[in-house]
Amino acid sequence: MNAYPGMPAPEGATLADGRAVVNDLLLYWIHHGRISVRPGIERFDGNTVHFSDGTARDYDTILWATGFNVRLPFLDDSLFRWAGGAPVRYAGGTVTEAVEKLYFIGLIAPRGPQIPIYGMQAKLVARMIELHEQAGPGGAQIAGYLASLQEPQTGIDVVRDSWLKQMADTERLLAAYEMSSGNATPSLQPA
């Protein structure tokens, strides 16, 4: 029997049997009524949200927490190559091979604390944006360059050490790219 009505049954009996849980207080707050689980959203009507079970309620704020469902409804799925339910990415999960100047921050969850991940990815993205600006109006082919030299990242829940190695490799490859283009700038090393 599911102890949390309205939530899907867990994949396994223990955390080791299922996907990673970022916040271990989620079930506590659901149980104590501070967080309510709602069915799928059918439509919005101003502040009124209409749910798939026929109910409706007014909300001031909606947090779309998809967990590990990484579909991006505002982007056409055909823009990327997909594997395992996620876009294939490079550079520590920040770029795809086909779309320059599109960056993902937080679309990967190396095991351990997540807040440092976002900062490290943001610094890396800032560096790539700077390289695009230095290249002029057409930008640079950074995503394609990295995709041609790195193994693809297809997972969301990944081993932190492997992710850190790809981030270090990305730093090395960007430094080589800068040197070859004659636009060497100080390296932004991950914290």
Protein backbone atom coordinates (compact mmCIF):
# COMPACT_ATOMS: atom_id res chain seq x y z
CA MET A 1 0.00 0.00 0.00
CA ASN A 2 1.29 3.44 -0.92
CA ALA A 3 1.75 5.59 2.21
CA TYR A 4 1.42 8.81 0.18
CA PRO A 5 -1.91 8.89 -1.69
CA GLY A 6 -1.72 10.74 -4.97
CA MET A 7 1.96 9.92 -5.50
CA PRO A 8 3.11 7.07 -7.73
CA ALA A 9 4.41 3.97 -5.99
CA PRO A 10 8.20 4.09 -5.52
CA GLU A 11 10.42 2.18 -7.93
CA GLY A 12 12.13 0.30 -5.12
CA ALA A 13 11.97 -0.42 -1.42
CA THR A 14 15.09 1.64 -0.60
CA LEU A 15 16.81 4.73 -2.02
CA ALA A 16 19.47 2.47 -3.51
CA ASP A 17 16.80 0.69 -5.56
CA GLY A 18 15.50 3.83 -7.27
CA ARG A 19 16.58 7.15 -8.66
CA ALA A 20 18.39 9.75 -6.61
CA VAL A 21 16.27 12.00 -4.39
CA VAL A 22 17.59 15.55 -4.14
CA ASN A 23 15.60 16.58 -1.06
CA ASP A 24 15.03 14.02 1.67
CA LEU A 25 12.37 16.25 3.32
CA LEU A 26 9.92 16.02 0.40
CA LEU A 27 8.01 13.03 1.76
CA TYR A 28 8.04 14.53 5.27
CA TRP A 29 6.40 17.76 4.09
CA ILE A 30 3.88 15.89 1.93
CA HIS A 31 2.95 13.75 4.93
CA HIS A 32 2.54 16.85 7.13
CA GLY A 33 0.48 18.74 4.54
CA ARG A 34 2.91 21.54 3.71
CA ILE A 35 3.34 20.26 0.13
CA SER A 36 0.40 18.97 -1.90
CA VAL A 37 0.79 16.62 -4.83
CA ARG A 38 -1.53 17.43 -7.72
CA PRO A 39 -2.38 15.50 -10.88
CA GLY A 40 -1.33 16.61 -14.36
CA ILE A 41 -2.19 20.12 -15.52
CA GLU A 42 -4.76 20.31 -18.32
CA ARG A 43 -4.86 24.08 -18.77
CA PHE A 44 -4.54 27.51 -17.14
CA ASP A 45 -7.25 30.15 -16.94
CA GLY A 46 -5.61 33.23 -15.39
CA ASN A 47 -4.56 32.09 -11.90
CA THR A 48 -6.86 29.07 -12.05
CA VAL A 49 -5.20 25.76 -12.79
CA HIS A 50 -7.39 22.98 -14.22
CA PHE A 51 -6.10 19.48 -13.45
CA SER A 52 -6.48 16.22 -15.35
CA ASP A 53 -8.76 14.79 -12.63
CA GLY A 54 -11.34 17.54 -13.29
CA THR A 55 -10.49 19.67 -10.24
CA ALA A 56 -9.40 23.31 -10.39
CA ARG A 57 -7.78 25.70 -7.92
CA ASP A 58 -6.32 29.22 -7.91
CA TYR A 59 -2.57 29.64 -7.44
CA ASP A 60 -0.27 32.67 -7.29
CA THR A 61 2.87 30.66 -8.11
CA ILE A 62 3.47 27.39 -9.91
CA LEU A 63 6.71 25.48 -9.58
CA TRP A 64 7.08 23.01 -12.42
CA ALA A 65 9.18 20.33 -10.73
CA THR A 66 9.57 17.55 -13.23
CA GLY A 67 12.19 15.56 -11.36
CA PHE A 68 14.20 13.70 -13.96
CA ASN A 69 11.71 14.25 -16.78
CA VAL A 70 13.81 16.57 -18.92
CA ARG A 71 11.48 17.20 -21.82
CA LEU A 72 11.71 20.85 -22.81
CA PRO A 73 8.24 21.70 -24.18
CA PHE A 74 9.37 25.11 -25.43
CA LEU A 75 12.04 23.52 -27.69
CA ASP A 76 11.45 21.11 -30.56
CA ASP A 77 12.76 17.64 -29.64
CA SER A 78 14.24 17.32 -33.13
CA LEU A 79 16.84 20.00 -32.29
CA PHE A 80 18.87 17.42 -30.36
CA ARG A 81 19.88 13.82 -30.46
CA TRP A 82 18.17 12.05 -27.54
CA ALA A 83 19.28 9.00 -25.55
CA GLY A 84 17.74 7.58 -22.41
CA GLY A 85 15.09 10.31 -22.24
CA ALA A 86 17.57 13.22 -22.25
CA PRO A 87 19.37 15.33 -24.85
CA VAL A 88 22.87 14.03 -25.57
CA ARG A 89 25.22 16.58 -24.02
CA TYR A 90 28.91 17.41 -23.71
CA ALA A 91 31.06 19.72 -21.58
CA GLY A 92 29.76 18.52 -18.24
CA GLY A 93 26.19 18.41 -19.54
CA THR A 94 26.08 22.04 -20.72
CA VAL A 95 25.97 21.84 -24.55
CA THR A 96 24.56 19.67 -27.31
CA GLU A 97 26.40 18.81 -30.50
CA ALA A 98 23.95 20.46 -32.87
CA VAL A 99 22.90 23.79 -31.38
CA GLU A 100 25.48 26.49 -30.73
CA LYS A 101 24.80 29.08 -28.04
CA LEU A 102 22.25 26.92 -26.22
CA TYR A 103 23.36 25.96 -22.73
CA PHE A 104 21.98 23.69 -20.04
CA ILE A 105 22.67 24.42 -16.38
CA GLY A 106 21.32 21.87 -13.94
CA LEU A 107 20.34 19.26 -16.54
CA ILE A 108 22.65 16.80 -14.86
CA ALA A 109 22.82 15.62 -11.26
CA PRO A 110 26.29 14.42 -10.27
CA ARG A 111 25.80 12.60 -6.99
CA GLY A 112 26.40 14.87 -4.04
CA PRO A 113 25.56 18.53 -3.37
CA GLN A 114 23.92 20.19 -6.37
CA ILE A 115 24.42 23.90 -5.65
CA PRO A 116 28.18 23.82 -6.51
CA ILE A 117 27.33 22.10 -9.81
CA TYR A 118 25.27 25.06 -11.00
CA GLY A 119 28.07 27.52 -10.23
CA MET A 120 30.66 25.41 -12.01
CA GLN A 121 28.43 25.04 -15.05
CA ALA A 122 27.62 28.77 -15.06
CA LYS A 123 31.33 29.67 -15.06
CA LEU A 124 31.93 27.27 -17.93
CA VAL A 125 29.01 28.70 -19.91
CA ALA A 126 30.24 32.26 -19.28
CA ARG A 127 33.59 31.23 -20.74
CA MET A 128 31.92 29.75 -23.84
CA ILE A 129 29.81 32.88 -24.30
CA GLU A 130 32.98 34.97 -24.13
CA LEU A 131 34.58 32.78 -26.81
CA HIS A 132 31.52 33.24 -29.03
CA GLU A 133 31.70 37.02 -28.58
CA GLN A 134 35.44 37.06 -29.36
CA ALA A 135 34.79 35.12 -32.58
CA GLY A 136 32.60 37.89 -33.96
CA PRO A 137 29.08 37.98 -35.41
CA GLY A 138 28.99 34.32 -36.48
CA GLY A 139 30.22 33.09 -33.12
CA ALA A 140 32.38 30.01 -32.74
CA GLN A 141 31.73 26.32 -33.27
CA ILE A 142 32.38 25.41 -29.63
CA ALA A 143 29.63 22.83 -29.17
CA GLY A 144 30.63 20.97 -32.32
CA TYR A 145 34.30 21.15 -31.33
CA LEU A 146 33.64 19.68 -27.88
CA ALA A 147 31.29 17.02 -29.25
CA SER A 148 33.97 15.88 -31.71
CA LEU A 149 36.47 15.34 -28.88
CA GLN A 150 34.46 14.18 -25.86
CA GLU A 151 32.36 11.18 -24.96
CA PRO A 152 28.66 12.03 -24.94
CA GLN A 153 26.83 12.52 -21.65
CA THR A 154 23.42 10.85 -21.79
CA GLY A 155 22.56 10.47 -18.12
CA ILE A 156 21.09 12.81 -15.57
CA ASP A 157 22.00 10.96 -12.36
CA VAL A 158 25.75 10.48 -12.86
CA VAL A 159 28.80 9.60 -10.81
CA ARG A 160 30.37 12.84 -9.62
CA ASP A 161 33.98 11.79 -10.29
CA SER A 162 33.22 11.07 -13.97
CA TRP A 163 31.45 14.42 -14.28
CA LEU A 164 34.37 16.27 -12.68
CA LYS A 165 36.75 14.58 -15.15
CA GLN A 166 34.61 15.77 -18.07
CA MET A 167 34.55 19.29 -16.65
CA ALA A 168 38.37 19.26 -16.35
CA ASP A 169 38.64 17.90 -19.89
CA THR A 170 36.33 20.67 -21.10
CA GLU A 171 38.56 23.30 -19.44
CA ARG A 172 41.59 21.74 -21.17
CA LEU A 173 39.84 21.68 -24.56
CA LEU A 174 38.63 25.27 -24.24
CA ALA A 175 42.16 26.41 -23.37
CA ALA A 176 43.44 24.63 -26.50
CA TYR A 177 40.64 26.21 -28.54
CA GLU A 178 41.55 29.67 -27.22
CA MET A 179 45.22 29.15 -28.05
CA SER A 180 44.45 27.95 -31.59
CA SER A 181 42.13 30.90 -32.23
CA GLY A 182 44.61 33.41 -30.79
CA ASN A 183 42.12 34.60 -28.17
CA ALA A 184 43.68 33.19 -25.01
CA THR A 185 42.01 34.44 -21.84
CA PRO A 186 42.54 33.51 -18.21
CA SER A 187 41.08 30.09 -17.43
CA LEU A 188 38.03 29.86 -15.21
CA GLN A 189 38.88 26.83 -13.12
CA PRO A 190 36.00 25.00 -11.43
CA ALA A 191 35.66 25.73 -7.71
